Amino acid sequence: MALLCHHDHVIHLANMTSAGEKQHYALALIKSLFSHLPDNFHIGLLYDIGSQLEQSCRKWGFLKPLLPQISFAISVFHAFGHQWPPAHLSPTEMRRVWTF
């Protein structure tokens, strides 16, 4: 698993020793990143299971002091990837989603 900047440059790597998407890898990468940033720095985190990670952080107190400095997001491709095309959206609404 890797932590990349918006230019796709590798910042940190984690050697995954078990299969599946384990949240502790992402948590370790985020913690490592913040150890190199100023205290008031805010990041945007695009992660394919970002909503699950954010819920876990809030529910269990993971990264509690850092949460105000993180904006979680997921890719629109991942959000709609499980039910493509989204049946509840008209073609006009779909164009609006993709151009946003």
Protein backbone atom coordinates (compact mmCIF):
# COMPACT_ATOMS: atom_id res chain seq x y z
CA MET A 1 0.00 0.00 0.00
CA ALA A 2 1.35 3.44 -0.82
CA LEU A 3 0.73 7.04 0.13
CA LEU A 4 1.03 9.31 -2.91
CA CYS A 5 0.91 13.06 -3.40
CA HIS A 6 -1.43 14.55 -6.00
CA HIS A 7 1.39 14.29 -8.57
CA ASP A 8 1.49 10.49 -8.06
CA HIS A 9 4.86 10.64 -6.34
CA VAL A 10 5.39 8.05 -3.62
CA ILE A 11 5.63 9.55 -0.14
CA HIS A 12 5.47 6.40 2.01
CA LEU A 13 5.10 2.66 1.41
CA ALA A 14 3.67 -0.04 3.67
CA ASN A 15 4.55 -3.68 3.14
CA MET A 16 1.24 -5.52 3.36
CA THR A 17 1.80 -8.85 5.11
CA SER A 18 -1.81 -10.04 4.96
CA ALA A 19 -4.43 -10.09 2.21
CA GLY A 20 -7.40 -7.74 2.09
CA GLU A 21 -7.91 -4.11 2.87
CA LYS A 22 -6.84 -3.83 6.46
CA GLN A 23 -7.35 -0.35 7.89
CA HIS A 24 -4.24 -0.47 10.06
CA TYR A 25 -2.07 -0.06 6.95
CA ALA A 26 -3.84 3.18 6.01
CA LEU A 27 -3.76 4.39 9.62
CA ALA A 28 -0.01 3.76 9.85
CA LEU A 29 0.61 5.66 6.59
CA ILE A 30 -1.51 8.63 7.69
CA LYS A 31 0.20 8.76 11.09
CA SER A 32 3.59 8.62 9.39
CA LEU A 33 2.62 11.43 7.01
CA PHE A 34 1.50 13.73 9.84
CA SER A 35 4.77 13.16 11.68
CA HIS A 36 6.45 15.09 8.84
CA LEU A 37 3.90 17.93 8.51
CA PRO A 38 3.41 21.16 10.47
CA ASP A 39 0.86 20.93 13.29
CA ASN A 40 -1.72 23.10 11.49
CA PHE A 41 -1.50 21.30 8.11
CA HIS A 42 -4.76 20.07 6.55
CA ILE A 43 -4.85 17.16 4.08
CA GLY A 44 -7.40 15.75 1.67
CA LEU A 45 -7.40 11.96 1.75
CA LEU A 46 -8.72 10.12 -1.31
CA TYR A 47 -9.04 6.45 -0.40
CA ASP A 48 -11.25 3.81 -2.02
CA ILE A 49 -12.78 2.88 1.34
CA GLY A 50 -12.39 6.35 2.82
CA SER A 51 -15.90 6.47 4.23
CA GLN A 52 -15.31 3.21 6.16
CA LEU A 53 -11.96 4.47 7.41
CA GLU A 54 -13.48 7.76 8.59
CA GLN A 55 -16.31 5.94 10.39
CA SER A 56 -13.80 3.66 12.15
CA CYS A 57 -11.70 6.63 13.17
CA ARG A 58 -14.70 8.42 14.66
CA LYS A 59 -16.19 5.32 16.30
CA TRP A 60 -12.99 3.92 17.83
CA GLY A 61 -10.96 7.12 18.27
CA PHE A 62 -8.26 6.27 15.73
CA LEU A 63 -6.21 9.33 14.76
CA LYS A 64 -8.44 11.38 17.07
CA PRO A 65 -6.13 14.42 17.37
CA LEU A 66 -5.61 14.46 13.59
CA LEU A 67 -9.23 14.09 12.42
CA PRO A 68 -9.95 17.85 12.30
CA GLN A 69 -7.04 18.13 9.84
CA ILE A 70 -8.28 15.42 7.44
CA SER A 71 -10.93 15.66 4.73
CA PHE A 72 -11.90 12.14 3.66
CA ALA A 73 -13.09 11.44 0.13
CA ILE A 74 -13.67 8.52 -2.22
CA SER A 75 -13.37 8.39 -5.98
CA VAL A 76 -16.59 8.74 -7.94
CA PHE A 77 -15.46 5.70 -9.93
CA HIS A 78 -15.35 3.62 -6.77
CA ALA A 79 -18.62 5.04 -5.48
CA PHE A 80 -20.48 4.01 -8.63
CA GLY A 81 -18.29 1.03 -9.52
CA HIS A 82 -20.45 -1.43 -7.64
CA GLN A 83 -23.70 -0.46 -9.37
CA TRP A 84 -22.78 0.87 -12.78
CA PRO A 85 -24.66 2.70 -14.20
CA PRO A 86 -26.47 4.19 -11.22
CA ALA A 87 -30.08 3.40 -12.00
CA HIS A 88 -31.45 6.29 -9.95
CA LEU A 89 -29.69 8.98 -12.03
CA SER A 90 -30.92 10.29 -15.37
CA PRO A 91 -28.39 10.90 -18.21
CA THR A 92 -28.50 14.64 -17.42
CA GLU A 93 -27.73 14.00 -13.75
CA MET A 94 -24.91 11.64 -14.74
CA ARG A 95 -23.27 14.34 -16.89
CA ARG A 96 -23.46 16.70 -13.91
CA VAL A 97 -21.80 14.10 -11.63
CA TRP A 98 -18.94 13.40 -14.06
CA THR A 99 -18.24 17.06 -14.82
CA PHE A 100 -18.27 18.11 -11.17
